[in-house]
């Protein structure tokens, strides 16, 4: 997933941030002109081509999944 640079400071996502599609923990924040969307790793991958074209910023923390859950998490994501 390609990240777009922005001058807006980005706050780290927490366990309280939930995916707008399924309610799982969010690891990707997509900033749009009208607001922001949060996605779990699965839904971020599933919709990345759609939001990449319209996002002003993409903040991707999916690498935390591997750090938090070990190398076996890659297959489960």
PDB file of N, CA and C in Angstrom:
ATOM      1  N   UNK A   1       0.837  -1.159   0.000  1.00  0.00           N
ATOM      2  CA  UNK A   1       0.000   0.000   0.000  1.00  0.00           C
ATOM      3  C   UNK A   1       0.892   1.235   0.000  1.00  0.00           C
ATOM      4  N   UNK A   2       0.645   2.163  -0.882  1.00  0.00           N
ATOM      5  CA  UNK A   2       1.451   3.360  -0.992  1.00  0.00           C
ATOM      6  C   UNK A   2       0.926   4.442  -0.067  1.00  0.00           C
ATOM      7  N   UNK A   3       1.851   5.111   0.625  1.00  0.00           N
ATOM      8  CA  UNK A   3       1.448   6.168   1.550  1.00  0.00           C
ATOM      9  C   UNK A   3       1.612   7.521   0.887  1.00  0.00           C
ATOM     10  N   UNK A   4       0.671   8.417   1.143  1.00  0.00           N
ATOM     11  CA  UNK A   4       0.719   9.771   0.625  1.00  0.00           C
ATOM     12  C   UNK A   4       1.193  10.689   1.739  1.00  0.00           C
ATOM     13  N   UNK A   5       2.100  11.581   1.425  1.00  0.00           N
ATOM     14  CA  UNK A   5       2.592  12.476   2.464  1.00  0.00           C
ATOM     15  C   UNK A   5       1.620  13.619   2.699  1.00  0.00           C
ATOM     16  N   UNK A   6       1.624  14.084   3.928  1.00  0.00           N
ATOM     17  CA  UNK A   6       0.751  15.171   4.320  1.00  0.00           C
ATOM     18  C   UNK A   6       1.415  15.935   5.449  1.00  0.00           C
ATOM     19  N   UNK A   7       1.023  17.187   5.623  1.00  0.00           N
ATOM     20  CA  UNK A   7       1.558  17.979   6.724  1.00  0.00           C
ATOM     21  C   UNK A   7       0.746  17.772   7.995  1.00  0.00           C
ATOM     22  N   UNK A   8      -0.351  17.035   7.905  1.00  0.00           N
ATOM     23  CA  UNK A   8      -1.187  16.761   9.059  1.00  0.00           C
ATOM     24  C   UNK A   8      -0.486  15.769   9.982  1.00  0.00           C
ATOM     25  N   UNK A   9      -0.326  16.111  11.271  1.00  0.00           N
ATOM     26  CA  UNK A   9       0.292  15.140  12.181  1.00  0.00           C
ATOM     27  C   UNK A   9      -0.604  13.916  12.346  1.00  0.00           C
ATOM     28  N   UNK A  10      -0.006  12.743  12.331  1.00  0.00           N
ATOM     29  CA  UNK A  10      -0.779  11.513  12.440  1.00  0.00           C
ATOM     30  C   UNK A  10      -0.600  10.913  13.828  1.00  0.00           C
ATOM     31  N   UNK A  11      -1.700  10.602  14.460  1.00  0.00           N
ATOM     32  CA  UNK A  11      -1.689   9.987  15.783  1.00  0.00           C
ATOM     33  C   UNK A  11      -1.715   8.476  15.601  1.00  0.00           C
ATOM     34  N   UNK A  12      -0.916   7.768  16.390  1.00  0.00           N
ATOM     35  CA  UNK A  12      -0.877   6.312  16.318  1.00  0.00           C
ATOM     36  C   UNK A  12      -2.253   5.731  16.631  1.00  0.00           C
ATOM     37  N   UNK A  13      -2.658   4.741  15.864  1.00  0.00           N
ATOM     38  CA  UNK A  13      -3.931   4.065  16.092  1.00  0.00           C
ATOM     39  C   UNK A  13      -3.832   3.215  17.358  1.00  0.00           C
ATOM     40  N   UNK A  14      -4.925   3.121  18.084  1.00  0.00           N
ATOM     41  CA  UNK A  14      -4.958   2.340  19.324  1.00  0.00           C
ATOM     42  C   UNK A  14      -5.990   1.222  19.197  1.00  0.00           C
ATOM     43  N   UNK A  15      -6.089   0.389  20.215  1.00  0.00           N
ATOM     44  CA  UNK A  15      -7.073  -0.699  20.222  1.00  0.00           C
ATOM     45  C   UNK A  15      -8.494  -0.159  20.211  1.00  0.00           C
ATOM     46  N   UNK A  16      -8.684   1.088  20.602  1.00  0.00           N
ATOM     47  CA  UNK A  16     -10.021   1.699  20.591  1.00  0.00           C
ATOM     48  C   UNK A  16     -10.454   2.098  19.182  1.00  0.00           C
ATOM     49  N   UNK A  17      -9.507   2.204  18.238  1.00  0.00           N
ATOM     50  CA  UNK A  17      -9.835   2.541  16.849  1.00  0.00           C
ATOM     51  C   UNK A  17     -10.297   1.277  16.138  1.00  0.00           C
ATOM     52  N   UNK A  18     -11.493   1.330  15.576  1.00  0.00           N
ATOM     53  CA  UNK A  18     -12.110   0.147  14.993  1.00  0.00           C
ATOM     54  C   UNK A  18     -12.357   0.320  13.500  1.00  0.00           C
ATOM     55  N   UNK A  19     -12.277  -0.767  12.757  1.00  0.00           N
ATOM     56  CA  UNK A  19     -12.522  -0.790  11.316  1.00  0.00           C
ATOM     57  C   UNK A  19     -13.953  -0.347  11.022  1.00  0.00           C
ATOM     58  N   UNK A  20     -14.106   0.566  10.071  1.00  0.00           N
ATOM     59  CA  UNK A  20     -15.429   1.046   9.693  1.00  0.00           C
ATOM     60  C   UNK A  20     -16.246   0.002   8.930  1.00  0.00           C
ATOM     61  N   UNK A  21     -15.627  -1.062   8.466  1.00  0.00           N
ATOM     62  CA  UNK A  21     -16.348  -2.117   7.744  1.00  0.00           C
ATOM     63  C   UNK A  21     -16.808  -3.243   8.660  1.00  0.00           C
ATOM     64  N   UNK A  22     -15.925  -3.671   9.604  1.00  0.00           N
ATOM     65  CA  UNK A  22     -16.263  -4.876  10.379  1.00  0.00           C
ATOM     66  C   UNK A  22     -16.117  -4.727  11.888  1.00  0.00           C
ATOM     67  N   UNK A  23     -15.530  -3.645  12.348  1.00  0.00           N
ATOM     68  CA  UNK A  23     -15.379  -3.435  13.782  1.00  0.00           C
ATOM     69  C   UNK A  23     -14.124  -4.029  14.397  1.00  0.00           C
ATOM     70  N   UNK A  24     -13.281  -4.681  13.606  1.00  0.00           N
ATOM     71  CA  UNK A  24     -12.015  -5.211  14.122  1.00  0.00           C
ATOM     72  C   UNK A  24     -11.063  -4.045  14.406  1.00  0.00           C
ATOM     73  N   UNK A  25      -9.954  -4.323  15.079  1.00  0.00           N
ATOM     74  CA  UNK A  25      -8.992  -3.260  15.361  1.00  0.00           C
ATOM     75  C   UNK A  25      -8.466  -2.665  14.063  1.00  0.00           C
ATOM     76  N   UNK A  26      -8.455  -1.343  13.993  1.00  0.00           N
ATOM     77  CA  UNK A  26      -7.989  -0.637  12.800  1.00  0.00           C
ATOM     78  C   UNK A  26      -6.473  -0.492  12.820  1.00  0.00           C
ATOM     79  N   UNK A  27      -5.858  -0.732  11.687  1.00  0.00           N
ATOM     80  CA  UNK A  27      -4.425  -0.549  11.509  1.00  0.00           C
ATOM     81  C   UNK A  27      -4.121   0.416  10.370  1.00  0.00           C
ATOM     82  N   UNK A  28      -5.150   0.889   9.668  1.00  0.00           N
ATOM     83  CA  UNK A  28      -4.956   1.818   8.554  1.00  0.00           C
ATOM     84  C   UNK A  28      -5.958   2.964   8.682  1.00  0.00           C
ATOM     85  N   UNK A  29      -5.441   4.197   8.619  1.00  0.00           N
ATOM     86  CA  UNK A  29      -6.285   5.398   8.617  1.00  0.00           C
ATOM     87  C   UNK A  29      -6.183   6.004   7.222  1.00  0.00           C
ATOM     88  N   UNK A  30      -7.326   6.230   6.592  1.00  0.00           N
ATOM     89  CA  UNK A  30      -7.377   6.857   5.279  1.00  0.00           C
ATOM     90  C   UNK A  30      -8.025   8.220   5.457  1.00  0.00           C
ATOM     91  N   UNK A  31      -7.254   9.263   5.202  1.00  0.00           N
ATOM     92  CA  UNK A  31      -7.760  10.625   5.350  1.00  0.00           C
ATOM     93  C   UNK A  31      -8.258  11.094   3.990  1.00  0.00           C
ATOM     94  N   UNK A  32      -9.497  11.543   3.975  1.00  0.00           N
ATOM     95  CA  UNK A  32     -10.136  12.069   2.771  1.00  0.00           C
ATOM     96  C   UNK A  32     -10.426  13.548   2.995  1.00  0.00           C
ATOM     97  N   UNK A  33     -10.801  14.267   1.960  1.00  0.00           N
ATOM     98  CA  UNK A  33     -11.155  15.674   2.117  1.00  0.00           C
ATOM     99  C   UNK A  33     -12.343  15.838   3.050  1.00  0.00           C
ATOM    100  N   UNK A  34     -13.245  14.882   3.065  1.00  0.00           N
ATOM    101  CA  UNK A  34     -14.468  14.984   3.863  1.00  0.00           C
ATOM    102  C   UNK A  34     -14.350  14.352   5.248  1.00  0.00           C
ATOM    103  N   UNK A  35     -13.224  13.760   5.588  1.00  0.00           N
ATOM    104  CA  UNK A  35     -13.072  13.095   6.884  1.00  0.00           C
ATOM    105  C   UNK A  35     -12.082  11.959   6.784  1.00  0.00           C
ATOM    106  N   UNK A  36     -12.262  10.954   7.627  1.00  0.00           N
ATOM    107  CA  UNK A  36     -11.348   9.820   7.598  1.00  0.00           C
ATOM    108  C   UNK A  36     -12.105   8.511   7.744  1.00  0.00           C
ATOM    109  N   UNK A  37     -11.469   7.449   7.257  1.00  0.00           N
ATOM    110  CA  UNK A  37     -11.982   6.093   7.391  1.00  0.00           C
ATOM    111  C   UNK A  37     -10.900   5.262   8.064  1.00  0.00           C
ATOM    112  N   UNK A  38     -11.322   4.303   8.871  1.00  0.00           N
ATOM    113  CA  UNK A  38     -10.399   3.387   9.526  1.00  0.00           C
ATOM    114  C   UNK A  38     -10.674   1.979   9.008  1.00  0.00           C
ATOM    115  N   UNK A  39      -9.596   1.216   8.780  1.00  0.00           N
ATOM    116  CA  UNK A  39      -9.735  -0.134   8.259  1.00  0.00           C
ATOM    117  C   UNK A  39      -8.834  -1.105   9.015  1.00  0.00           C
ATOM    118  N   UNK A  40      -9.312  -2.337   9.185  1.00  0.00           N
ATOM    119  CA  UNK A  40      -8.448  -3.420   9.640  1.00  0.00           C
ATOM    120  C   UNK A  40      -7.522  -3.755   8.463  1.00  0.00           C
ATOM    121  N   UNK A  41      -6.522  -4.582   8.686  1.00  0.00           N
ATOM    122  CA  UNK A  41      -5.580  -4.927   7.620  1.00  0.00           C
ATOM    123  C   UNK A  41      -6.293  -5.600   6.446  1.00  0.00           C
ATOM    124  N   UNK A  42      -7.231  -6.490   6.741  1.00  0.00           N
ATOM    125  CA  UNK A  42      -7.958  -7.208   5.698  1.00  0.00           C
ATOM    126  C   UNK A  42      -8.730  -6.246   4.791  1.00  0.00           C
ATOM    127  N   UNK A  43      -9.527  -5.374   5.369  1.00  0.00           N
ATOM    128  CA  UNK A  43     -10.333  -4.462   4.563  1.00  0.00           C
ATOM    129  C   UNK A  43      -9.493  -3.362   3.916  1.00  0.00           C
ATOM    130  N   UNK A  44      -8.378  -2.998   4.515  1.00  0.00           N
ATOM    131  CA  UNK A  44      -7.470  -2.040   3.876  1.00  0.00           C
ATOM    132  C   UNK A  44      -6.926  -2.621   2.579  1.00  0.00           C
ATOM    133  N   UNK A  45      -6.513  -3.896   2.628  1.00  0.00           N
ATOM    134  CA  UNK A  45      -6.030  -4.550   1.402  1.00  0.00           C
ATOM    135  C   UNK A  45      -7.145  -4.694   0.382  1.00  0.00           C
ATOM    136  N   UNK A  46      -8.327  -5.062   0.836  1.00  0.00           N
ATOM    137  CA  UNK A  46      -9.444  -5.299  -0.081  1.00  0.00           C
ATOM    138  C   UNK A  46      -9.885  -4.030  -0.815  1.00  0.00           C
ATOM    139  N   UNK A  47      -9.728  -2.867  -0.180  1.00  0.00           N
ATOM    140  CA  UNK A  47     -10.230  -1.621  -0.761  1.00  0.00           C
ATOM    141  C   UNK A  47      -9.127  -0.628  -1.108  1.00  0.00           C
ATOM    142  N   UNK A  48      -7.877  -1.036  -1.017  1.00  0.00           N
ATOM    143  CA  UNK A  48      -6.758  -0.105  -1.194  1.00  0.00           C
ATOM    144  C   UNK A  48      -6.754   0.597  -2.545  1.00  0.00           C
ATOM    145  N   UNK A  49      -7.086  -0.102  -3.617  1.00  0.00           N
ATOM    146  CA  UNK A  49      -7.076   0.543  -4.937  1.00  0.00           C
ATOM    147  C   UNK A  49      -8.138   1.633  -5.035  1.00  0.00           C
ATOM    148  N   UNK A  50      -9.251   1.458  -4.336  1.00  0.00           N
ATOM    149  CA  UNK A  50     -10.331   2.454  -4.376  1.00  0.00           C
ATOM    150  C   UNK A  50      -9.965   3.701  -3.591  1.00  0.00           C
ATOM    151  N   UNK A  51      -9.476   3.537  -2.361  1.00  0.00           N
ATOM    152  CA  UNK A  51      -9.212   4.725  -1.565  1.00  0.00           C
ATOM    153  C   UNK A  51      -7.882   5.390  -1.907  1.00  0.00           C
ATOM    154  N   UNK A  52      -6.946   4.668  -2.493  1.00  0.00           N
ATOM    155  CA  UNK A  52      -5.659   5.272  -2.857  1.00  0.00           C
ATOM    156  C   UNK A  52      -5.843   6.399  -3.871  1.00  0.00           C
ATOM    157  N   UNK A  53      -6.846   6.273  -4.718  1.00  0.00           N
ATOM    158  CA  UNK A  53      -7.087   7.284  -5.748  1.00  0.00           C
ATOM    159  C   UNK A  53      -7.683   8.573  -5.189  1.00  0.00           C
ATOM    160  N   UNK A  54      -8.325   8.507  -4.020  1.00  0.00           N
ATOM    161  CA  UNK A  54      -9.011   9.691  -3.495  1.00  0.00           C
ATOM    162  C   UNK A  54      -8.479  10.175  -2.147  1.00  0.00           C
ATOM    163  N   UNK A  55      -7.568   9.452  -1.545  1.00  0.00           N
ATOM    164  CA  UNK A  55      -7.063   9.805  -0.214  1.00  0.00           C
ATOM    165  C   UNK A  55      -6.093  10.981  -0.277  1.00  0.00           C
ATOM    166  N   UNK A  56      -6.126  11.811   0.765  1.00  0.00           N
ATOM    167  CA  UNK A  56      -5.119  12.865   0.904  1.00  0.00           C
ATOM    168  C   UNK A  56      -3.952  12.357   1.738  1.00  0.00           C
ATOM    169  N   UNK A  57      -4.198  11.325   2.537  1.00  0.00           N
ATOM    170  CA  UNK A  57      -3.152  10.697   3.345  1.00  0.00           C
ATOM    171  C   UNK A  57      -3.576   9.270   3.677  1.00  0.00           C
ATOM    172  N   UNK A  58      -2.602   8.364   3.689  1.00  0.00           N
ATOM    173  CA  UNK A  58      -2.837   6.986   4.121  1.00  0.00           C
ATOM    174  C   UNK A  58      -1.808   6.677   5.194  1.00  0.00           C
ATOM    175  N   UNK A  59      -2.295   6.364   6.383  1.00  0.00           N
ATOM    176  CA  UNK A  59      -1.416   6.039   7.506  1.00  0.00           C
ATOM    177  C   UNK A  59      -1.566   4.542   7.776  1.00  0.00           C
ATOM    178  N   UNK A  60      -0.539   3.773   7.438  1.00  0.00           N
ATOM    179  CA  UNK A  60      -0.599   2.318   7.495  1.00  0.00           C
ATOM    180  C   UNK A  60       0.276   1.797   8.634  1.00  0.00           C
ATOM    181  N   UNK A  61      -0.343   1.153   9.610  1.00  0.00           N
ATOM    182  CA  UNK A  61       0.383   0.562  10.742  1.00  0.00           C
ATOM    183  C   UNK A  61       0.285  -0.961  10.738  1.00  0.00           C
ATOM    184  N   UNK A  62       0.026  -1.570   9.592  1.00  0.00           N
ATOM    185  CA  UNK A  62      -0.154  -3.024   9.545  1.00  0.00           C
ATOM    186  C   UNK A  62       1.101  -3.785   9.952  1.00  0.00           C
ATOM    187  N   UNK A  63       2.275  -3.164   9.876  1.00  0.00           N
ATOM    188  CA  UNK A  63       3.498  -3.846  10.312  1.00  0.00           C
ATOM    189  C   UNK A  63       3.437  -4.175  11.803  1.00  0.00           C
ATOM    190  N   UNK A  64       2.609  -3.459  12.555  1.00  0.00           N
ATOM    191  CA  UNK A  64       2.445  -3.751  13.979  1.00  0.00           C
ATOM    192  C   UNK A  64       1.840  -5.131  14.208  1.00  0.00           C
ATOM    193  N   UNK A  65       1.058  -5.629  13.273  1.00  0.00           N
ATOM    194  CA  UNK A  65       0.484  -6.972  13.406  1.00  0.00           C
ATOM    195  C   UNK A  65       1.581  -8.013  13.563  1.00  0.00           C
ATOM    196  N   UNK A  66       2.636  -7.902  12.776  1.00  0.00           N
ATOM    197  CA  UNK A  66       3.731  -8.864  12.830  1.00  0.00           C
ATOM    198  C   UNK A  66       4.548  -8.680  14.096  1.00  0.00           C
ATOM    199  N   UNK A  67       4.732  -7.443  14.526  1.00  0.00           N
ATOM    200  CA  UNK A  67       5.485  -7.172  15.748  1.00  0.00           C
ATOM    201  C   UNK A  67       4.718  -7.645  16.981  1.00  0.00           C
ATOM    202  N   UNK A  68       3.392  -7.469  16.973  1.00  0.00           N
ATOM    203  CA  UNK A  68       2.561  -7.826  18.116  1.00  0.00           C
ATOM    204  C   UNK A  68       2.232  -9.305  18.178  1.00  0.00           C
ATOM    205  N   UNK A  69       2.113  -9.955  17.024  1.00  0.00           N
ATOM    206  CA  UNK A  69       1.613 -11.326  16.996  1.00  0.00           C
ATOM    207  C   UNK A  69       2.597 -12.324  16.407  1.00  0.00           C
ATOM    208  N   UNK A  70       3.796 -11.893  16.074  1.00  0.00           N
ATOM    209  CA  UNK A  70       4.812 -12.804  15.560  1.00  0.00           C
ATOM    210  C   UNK A  70       4.668 -13.084  14.082  1.00  0.00           C
ATOM    211  N   UNK A  71       5.590 -13.841  13.556  1.00  0.00           N
ATOM    212  CA  UNK A  71       5.645 -14.105  12.115  1.00  0.00           C
ATOM    213  C   UNK A  71       4.480 -14.952  11.624  1.00  0.00           C
ATOM    214  N   UNK A  72       3.836 -15.726  12.483  1.00  0.00           N
ATOM    215  CA  UNK A  72       2.699 -16.538  12.065  1.00  0.00           C
ATOM    216  C   UNK A  72       1.467 -15.718  11.722  1.00  0.00           C
ATOM    217  N   UNK A  73       1.433 -14.459  12.149  1.00  0.00           N
ATOM    218  CA  UNK A  73       0.264 -13.604  11.891  1.00  0.00           C
ATOM    219  C   UNK A  73       0.119 -13.272  10.421  1.00  0.00           C
ATOM    220  N   UNK A  74       1.206 -13.334   9.650  1.00  0.00           N
ATOM    221  CA  UNK A  74       1.154 -12.966   8.248  1.00  0.00           C
ATOM    222  C   UNK A  74       0.125 -13.801   7.499  1.00  0.00           C
ATOM    223  N   UNK A  75       0.064 -15.080   7.758  1.00  0.00           N
ATOM    224  CA  UNK A  75      -0.876 -15.954   7.057  1.00  0.00           C
ATOM    225  C   UNK A  75      -2.318 -15.701   7.490  1.00  0.00           C
ATOM    226  N   UNK A  76      -2.493 -15.236   8.712  1.00  0.00           N
ATOM    227  CA  UNK A  76      -3.857 -15.043   9.243  1.00  0.00           C
ATOM    228  C   UNK A  76      -4.444 -13.696   8.896  1.00  0.00           C
ATOM    229  N   UNK A  77      -3.634 -12.748   8.443  1.00  0.00           N
ATOM    230  CA  UNK A  77      -4.106 -11.386   8.164  1.00  0.00           C
ATOM    231  C   UNK A  77      -4.957 -11.356   6.938  1.00  0.00           C
TER     232      UNK A  77
END
